[in-house]
């Protein structure tokens, strides 16, 4: 995008120096390129550099927010998966309890009572 943009010849040297400072992700931003050219015309190279630095900071904040949102979504999905797994585990434990009913507890308990009498 930067290469295709028409820059006045008197500003081309300054524009090239400033264009090197623009991150790759922002080089396609037509609005930023226009802003830089305008700032070069109005305030010079120093003002245009400030615009690039502001754009870098904005980009860094946006990237950080996207990463934060992705982490939060991943944590939510992991919590939901753990909850679903624990709910599934509780259902299995209930099924296991039904199997224990088939076992006759009276034989075991009667033997335990006889052992306790000796003490």
N, C-alpha and C. Protein backbone atom coordinates (compact mmCIF):
# COMPACT_ATOMS: atom_id res chain seq x y z
N UNK A 1 0.83 -1.19 0.00
CA UNK A 1 0.00 0.00 0.00
C UNK A 1 0.86 1.25 0.00
N UNK A 2 1.92 1.24 0.78
CA UNK A 2 2.78 2.42 0.87
C UNK A 2 3.44 2.71 -0.47
N UNK A 3 3.84 1.68 -1.17
CA UNK A 3 4.51 1.87 -2.45
C UNK A 3 3.58 2.46 -3.50
N UNK A 4 2.29 2.19 -3.40
CA UNK A 4 1.33 2.64 -4.41
C UNK A 4 0.78 4.02 -4.11
N UNK A 5 1.08 4.56 -2.94
CA UNK A 5 0.52 5.85 -2.54
C UNK A 5 1.32 6.98 -3.16
N UNK A 6 0.62 7.99 -3.67
CA UNK A 6 1.29 9.14 -4.29
C UNK A 6 1.73 10.12 -3.22
N UNK A 7 3.03 10.29 -3.12
CA UNK A 7 3.62 11.21 -2.15
C UNK A 7 4.29 12.32 -2.95
N UNK A 8 4.06 13.57 -2.56
CA UNK A 8 4.75 14.67 -3.25
C UNK A 8 6.26 14.47 -3.22
N UNK A 9 6.93 14.86 -4.29
CA UNK A 9 8.37 14.60 -4.43
C UNK A 9 9.18 15.27 -3.31
N UNK A 10 8.78 16.43 -2.85
CA UNK A 10 9.53 17.11 -1.80
C UNK A 10 9.42 16.40 -0.45
N UNK A 11 8.42 15.51 -0.30
CA UNK A 11 8.23 14.79 0.96
C UNK A 11 8.65 13.32 0.87
N UNK A 12 9.10 12.89 -0.31
CA UNK A 12 9.39 11.47 -0.50
C UNK A 12 10.51 10.96 0.40
N UNK A 13 11.55 11.74 0.62
CA UNK A 13 12.65 11.32 1.48
C UNK A 13 12.18 11.14 2.92
N UNK A 14 11.45 12.11 3.43
CA UNK A 14 10.92 12.02 4.80
C UNK A 14 9.93 10.87 4.91
N UNK A 15 9.11 10.72 3.89
CA UNK A 15 8.10 9.67 3.92
C UNK A 15 8.77 8.29 3.96
N UNK A 16 9.83 8.10 3.19
CA UNK A 16 10.53 6.81 3.18
C UNK A 16 11.16 6.51 4.54
N UNK A 17 11.74 7.56 5.17
CA UNK A 17 12.32 7.36 6.50
C UNK A 17 11.26 6.96 7.52
N UNK A 18 10.12 7.57 7.42
CA UNK A 18 9.04 7.28 8.37
C UNK A 18 8.38 5.95 8.04
N UNK A 19 8.28 5.62 6.77
CA UNK A 19 7.64 4.37 6.35
C UNK A 19 8.38 3.16 6.92
N UNK A 20 9.69 3.30 7.14
CA UNK A 20 10.46 2.19 7.73
C UNK A 20 10.03 1.91 9.16
N UNK A 21 9.48 2.89 9.82
CA UNK A 21 9.06 2.74 11.22
C UNK A 21 7.66 2.11 11.35
N UNK A 22 6.93 2.05 10.27
CA UNK A 22 5.56 1.53 10.32
C UNK A 22 5.61 0.01 10.39
N UNK A 23 4.89 -0.59 11.35
CA UNK A 23 4.84 -2.06 11.43
C UNK A 23 4.18 -2.66 10.19
N UNK A 24 4.53 -3.87 9.89
CA UNK A 24 4.03 -4.55 8.70
C UNK A 24 2.50 -4.59 8.70
N UNK A 25 1.92 -4.84 9.86
CA UNK A 25 0.46 -4.93 9.95
C UNK A 25 -0.23 -3.62 9.59
N UNK A 26 0.46 -2.51 9.76
CA UNK A 26 -0.15 -1.20 9.50
C UNK A 26 0.19 -0.62 8.14
N UNK A 27 1.07 -1.26 7.41
CA UNK A 27 1.48 -0.71 6.10
C UNK A 27 0.33 -0.73 5.10
N UNK A 28 -0.66 -1.56 5.33
CA UNK A 28 -1.81 -1.63 4.41
C UNK A 28 -2.92 -0.67 4.82
N UNK A 29 -2.75 0.01 5.93
CA UNK A 29 -3.77 0.94 6.43
C UNK A 29 -3.69 2.26 5.66
N UNK A 30 -4.61 2.43 4.74
CA UNK A 30 -4.61 3.60 3.88
C UNK A 30 -4.82 4.88 4.68
N UNK A 31 -5.62 4.83 5.71
CA UNK A 31 -5.87 6.01 6.53
C UNK A 31 -4.60 6.47 7.23
N UNK A 32 -3.82 5.54 7.74
CA UNK A 32 -2.56 5.89 8.40
C UNK A 32 -1.59 6.53 7.41
N UNK A 33 -1.51 5.99 6.22
CA UNK A 33 -0.60 6.55 5.20
C UNK A 33 -1.02 7.97 4.85
N UNK A 34 -2.31 8.19 4.69
CA UNK A 34 -2.80 9.55 4.40
C UNK A 34 -2.49 10.49 5.56
N UNK A 35 -2.66 10.00 6.77
CA UNK A 35 -2.37 10.81 7.95
C UNK A 35 -0.90 11.21 7.99
N UNK A 36 -0.04 10.26 7.70
CA UNK A 36 1.40 10.54 7.71
C UNK A 36 1.75 11.60 6.67
N UNK A 37 1.19 11.46 5.48
CA UNK A 37 1.46 12.45 4.43
C UNK A 37 0.95 13.82 4.86
N UNK A 38 -0.24 13.87 5.44
CA UNK A 38 -0.79 15.14 5.90
C UNK A 38 0.07 15.76 6.99
N UNK A 39 0.51 14.93 7.93
CA UNK A 39 1.35 15.43 9.02
C UNK A 39 2.70 15.92 8.48
N UNK A 40 3.23 15.24 7.48
CA UNK A 40 4.48 15.71 6.87
C UNK A 40 4.27 17.08 6.24
N UNK A 41 3.15 17.27 5.60
CA UNK A 41 2.87 18.55 4.95
C UNK A 41 2.63 19.66 5.98
N UNK A 42 1.94 19.32 7.05
CA UNK A 42 1.56 20.35 8.03
C UNK A 42 2.61 20.60 9.11
N UNK A 43 3.17 19.52 9.64
CA UNK A 43 4.03 19.70 10.80
C UNK A 43 5.42 19.14 10.65
N UNK A 44 5.69 18.48 9.59
CA UNK A 44 7.03 17.97 9.38
C UNK A 44 7.19 16.53 9.83
N UNK A 45 8.44 16.10 9.77
CA UNK A 45 8.77 14.71 10.04
C UNK A 45 8.53 14.31 11.48
N UNK A 46 8.78 15.23 12.38
CA UNK A 46 8.61 14.92 13.81
C UNK A 46 7.16 14.58 14.14
N UNK A 47 6.23 15.35 13.61
CA UNK A 47 4.80 15.10 13.85
C UNK A 47 4.37 13.77 13.22
N UNK A 48 4.89 13.48 12.05
CA UNK A 48 4.55 12.23 11.37
C UNK A 48 5.07 11.04 12.16
N UNK A 49 6.27 11.15 12.75
CA UNK A 49 6.80 10.08 13.60
C UNK A 49 5.92 9.84 14.81
N UNK A 50 5.41 10.92 15.37
CA UNK A 50 4.50 10.78 16.51
C UNK A 50 3.24 10.03 16.12
N UNK A 51 2.76 10.28 14.91
CA UNK A 51 1.57 9.57 14.43
C UNK A 51 1.87 8.08 14.28
N UNK A 52 3.05 7.75 13.80
CA UNK A 52 3.43 6.34 13.66
C UNK A 52 3.54 5.68 15.03
N UNK A 53 4.15 6.36 15.99
CA UNK A 53 4.28 5.81 17.34
C UNK A 53 2.91 5.59 17.98
N UNK A 54 2.00 6.54 17.78
CA UNK A 54 0.64 6.38 18.30
C UNK A 54 -0.06 5.18 17.66
N UNK A 55 0.14 5.00 16.36
CA UNK A 55 -0.46 3.86 15.66
C UNK A 55 0.11 2.55 16.17
N UNK A 56 1.41 2.53 16.46
CA UNK A 56 2.05 1.32 17.01
C UNK A 56 1.45 0.97 18.36
N UNK A 57 1.28 1.99 19.20
CA UNK A 57 0.71 1.74 20.53
C UNK A 57 -0.72 1.23 20.43
N UNK A 58 -1.48 1.82 19.53
CA UNK A 58 -2.86 1.38 19.33
C UNK A 58 -2.89 -0.07 18.85
N UNK A 59 -2.01 -0.41 17.92
CA UNK A 59 -1.94 -1.78 17.43
C UNK A 59 -1.56 -2.74 18.56
N UNK A 60 -0.59 -2.36 19.37
CA UNK A 60 -0.17 -3.21 20.49
C UNK A 60 -1.33 -3.44 21.46
N UNK A 61 -2.09 -2.39 21.74
CA UNK A 61 -3.24 -2.54 22.64
C UNK A 61 -4.31 -3.45 22.04
N UNK A 62 -4.56 -3.30 20.76
CA UNK A 62 -5.55 -4.15 20.11
C UNK A 62 -5.13 -5.61 20.12
N UNK A 63 -3.86 -5.87 19.87
CA UNK A 63 -3.34 -7.24 19.89
C UNK A 63 -3.45 -7.82 21.29
N UNK A 64 -3.10 -7.02 22.30
CA UNK A 64 -3.19 -7.48 23.68
C UNK A 64 -4.64 -7.79 24.06
N UNK A 65 -5.57 -6.95 23.62
CA UNK A 65 -6.98 -7.20 23.91
C UNK A 65 -7.47 -8.47 23.23
N UNK A 66 -7.05 -8.70 21.99
CA UNK A 66 -7.45 -9.93 21.29
C UNK A 66 -6.90 -11.16 22.00
N UNK A 67 -5.64 -11.09 22.44
CA UNK A 67 -5.05 -12.21 23.14
C UNK A 67 -5.75 -12.46 24.47
N UNK A 68 -6.08 -11.38 25.17
CA UNK A 68 -6.78 -11.51 26.45
C UNK A 68 -8.14 -12.16 26.25
N UNK A 69 -8.85 -11.71 25.24
CA UNK A 69 -10.16 -12.27 24.95
C UNK A 69 -10.05 -13.75 24.58
N UNK A 70 -9.06 -14.09 23.79
CA UNK A 70 -8.86 -15.49 23.40
C UNK A 70 -8.54 -16.35 24.63
N UNK A 71 -7.71 -15.82 25.54
CA UNK A 71 -7.39 -16.56 26.77
C UNK A 71 -8.62 -16.76 27.62
N UNK A 72 -9.42 -15.70 27.77
CA UNK A 72 -10.65 -15.81 28.56
C UNK A 72 -11.60 -16.84 27.97
N UNK A 73 -11.75 -16.83 26.65
CA UNK A 73 -12.61 -17.80 26.00
C UNK A 73 -12.10 -19.22 26.18
N UNK A 74 -10.78 -19.39 26.12
CA UNK A 74 -10.19 -20.70 26.33
C UNK A 74 -10.42 -21.18 27.76
N UNK A 75 -10.29 -20.27 28.72
CA UNK A 75 -10.54 -20.63 30.12
C UNK A 75 -12.00 -21.02 30.34
N UNK A 76 -12.90 -20.30 29.71
CA UNK A 76 -14.33 -20.62 29.83
C UNK A 76 -14.62 -21.99 29.23
N UNK A 77 -14.05 -22.25 28.04
CA UNK A 77 -14.26 -23.56 27.41
C UNK A 77 -13.68 -24.68 28.27
N UNK A 78 -12.52 -24.44 28.88
CA UNK A 78 -11.91 -25.47 29.72
C UNK A 78 -12.76 -25.71 30.97
N UNK A 79 -13.29 -24.63 31.56
CA UNK A 79 -14.14 -24.79 32.74
C UNK A 79 -15.42 -25.54 32.38
N UNK A 80 -15.99 -25.23 31.24
CA UNK A 80 -17.20 -25.94 30.81
C UNK A 80 -16.90 -27.41 30.55
N UNK A 81 -15.75 -27.70 29.98
CA UNK A 81 -15.38 -29.09 29.73
C UNK A 81 -15.17 -29.84 31.03
N UNK A 82 -14.52 -29.19 32.01
CA UNK A 82 -14.34 -29.84 33.32
C UNK A 82 -15.67 -30.08 33.99
N UNK A 83 -16.57 -29.10 33.89
CA UNK A 83 -17.89 -29.25 34.50
C UNK A 83 -18.66 -30.39 33.84
N UNK A 84 -18.59 -30.46 32.52
CA UNK A 84 -19.28 -31.53 31.82
C UNK A 84 -18.67 -32.89 32.19
N UNK A 85 -17.37 -32.93 32.34
CA UNK A 85 -16.72 -34.19 32.71
C UNK A 85 -17.10 -34.59 34.13
N UNK A 86 -17.17 -33.63 35.03
CA UNK A 86 -17.53 -33.97 36.41
C UNK A 86 -19.00 -34.39 36.49
N UNK A 87 -19.85 -33.77 35.71
CA UNK A 87 -21.26 -34.18 35.69
C UNK A 87 -21.38 -35.58 35.11
N UNK A 88 -20.59 -35.87 34.12
CA UNK A 88 -20.58 -37.21 33.54
C UNK A 88 -20.03 -38.22 34.52
N UNK A 89 -19.04 -37.82 35.32
CA UNK A 89 -18.46 -38.70 36.33
C UNK A 89 -19.44 -38.99 37.45
N UNK A 90 -20.26 -38.00 37.83
CA UNK A 90 -21.26 -38.22 38.87
C UNK A 90 -22.31 -39.21 38.40
N UNK A 91 -22.67 -39.13 37.14
CA UNK A 91 -23.66 -40.07 36.61
C UNK A 91 -23.10 -41.49 36.65
N UNK A 92 -21.82 -41.63 36.36
CA UNK A 92 -21.20 -42.95 36.39
C UNK A 92 -21.14 -43.49 37.82
N UNK A 93 -20.85 -42.62 38.78
CA UNK A 93 -20.80 -43.06 40.17
C UNK A 93 -22.17 -43.53 40.63
N UNK A 94 -23.22 -42.86 40.18
CA UNK A 94 -24.57 -43.28 40.54
C UNK A 94 -24.86 -44.66 39.98
N UNK A 95 -24.38 -44.90 38.76
CA UNK A 95 -24.59 -46.22 38.16
C UNK A 95 -23.86 -47.29 38.96
N UNK A 96 -22.68 -46.95 39.47
CA UNK A 96 -21.90 -47.90 40.26
C UNK A 96 -22.61 -48.24 41.56
N UNK A 97 -23.31 -47.28 42.14
CA UNK A 97 -24.02 -47.52 43.39
C UNK A 97 -25.12 -48.56 43.19
N UNK A 98 -25.73 -48.56 42.02
CA UNK A 98 -26.78 -49.53 41.76
C UNK A 98 -26.21 -50.94 41.73
N UNK A 99 -24.99 -51.08 41.27
CA UNK A 99 -24.36 -52.40 41.22
C UNK A 99 -24.07 -52.93 42.62
N UNK A 100 -23.82 -52.07 43.56
CA UNK A 100 -23.51 -52.49 44.93
C UNK A 100 -24.73 -53.07 45.63
N UNK A 101 -25.92 -52.74 45.19
CA UNK A 101 -27.13 -53.24 45.82
C UNK A 101 -27.27 -54.75 45.63
N UNK A 102 -26.67 -55.28 44.57
CA UNK A 102 -26.76 -56.71 44.31
C UNK A 102 -25.96 -57.52 45.33
N UNK A 103 -24.99 -56.90 45.94
CA UNK A 103 -24.14 -57.57 46.92
C UNK A 103 -24.91 -57.70 48.23
N UNK A 104 -24.79 -58.84 48.87
CA UNK A 104 -25.50 -59.05 50.13
C UNK A 104 -24.64 -58.56 51.27
N UNK A 105 -25.07 -57.49 51.91
CA UNK A 105 -24.32 -56.89 53.01
C UNK A 105 -24.52 -57.66 54.31
N UNK A 106 -25.55 -58.44 54.43
CA UNK A 106 -25.87 -59.09 55.70
C UNK A 106 -24.82 -60.10 56.11
N UNK A 107 -24.23 -60.82 55.16
CA UNK A 107 -23.22 -61.81 55.51
C UNK A 107 -21.96 -61.14 56.06
N UNK A 108 -21.55 -60.04 55.48
CA UNK A 108 -20.35 -59.35 55.92
C UNK A 108 -20.58 -58.72 57.28
N UNK A 109 -21.74 -58.11 57.48
CA UNK A 109 -22.02 -57.44 58.74
C UNK A 109 -22.13 -58.43 59.89
N UNK A 110 -22.70 -59.59 59.63
CA UNK A 110 -22.87 -60.58 60.70
C UNK A 110 -21.50 -61.06 61.18
N UNK A 111 -20.58 -61.26 60.27
CA UNK A 111 -19.25 -61.69 60.65
C UNK A 111 -18.51 -60.61 61.40
N UNK A 112 -18.72 -59.36 61.06
CA UNK A 112 -18.05 -58.25 61.73
C UNK A 112 -18.55 -58.12 63.15
N UNK A 113 -19.82 -58.34 63.39
CA UNK A 113 -20.37 -58.23 64.74
C UNK A 113 -19.79 -59.33 65.64
N UNK A 114 -19.60 -60.53 65.10
CA UNK A 114 -19.04 -61.62 65.90
C UNK A 114 -17.60 -61.29 66.31
N UNK A 115 -16.84 -60.65 65.41
CA UNK A 115 -15.47 -60.30 65.75
C UNK A 115 -15.41 -59.24 66.83
N UNK A 116 -16.35 -58.32 66.84
CA UNK A 116 -16.35 -57.23 67.79
C UNK A 116 -16.69 -57.71 69.21
N UNK A 117 -17.37 -58.79 69.33
CA UNK A 117 -17.76 -59.29 70.64
C UNK A 117 -16.54 -59.75 71.43
N UNK A 118 -15.50 -60.19 70.74
CA UNK A 118 -14.31 -60.67 71.40
C UNK A 118 -13.54 -59.54 72.09
N UNK A 119 -13.68 -58.35 71.68
CA UNK A 119 -12.90 -57.25 72.24
C UNK A 119 -13.61 -56.68 73.39
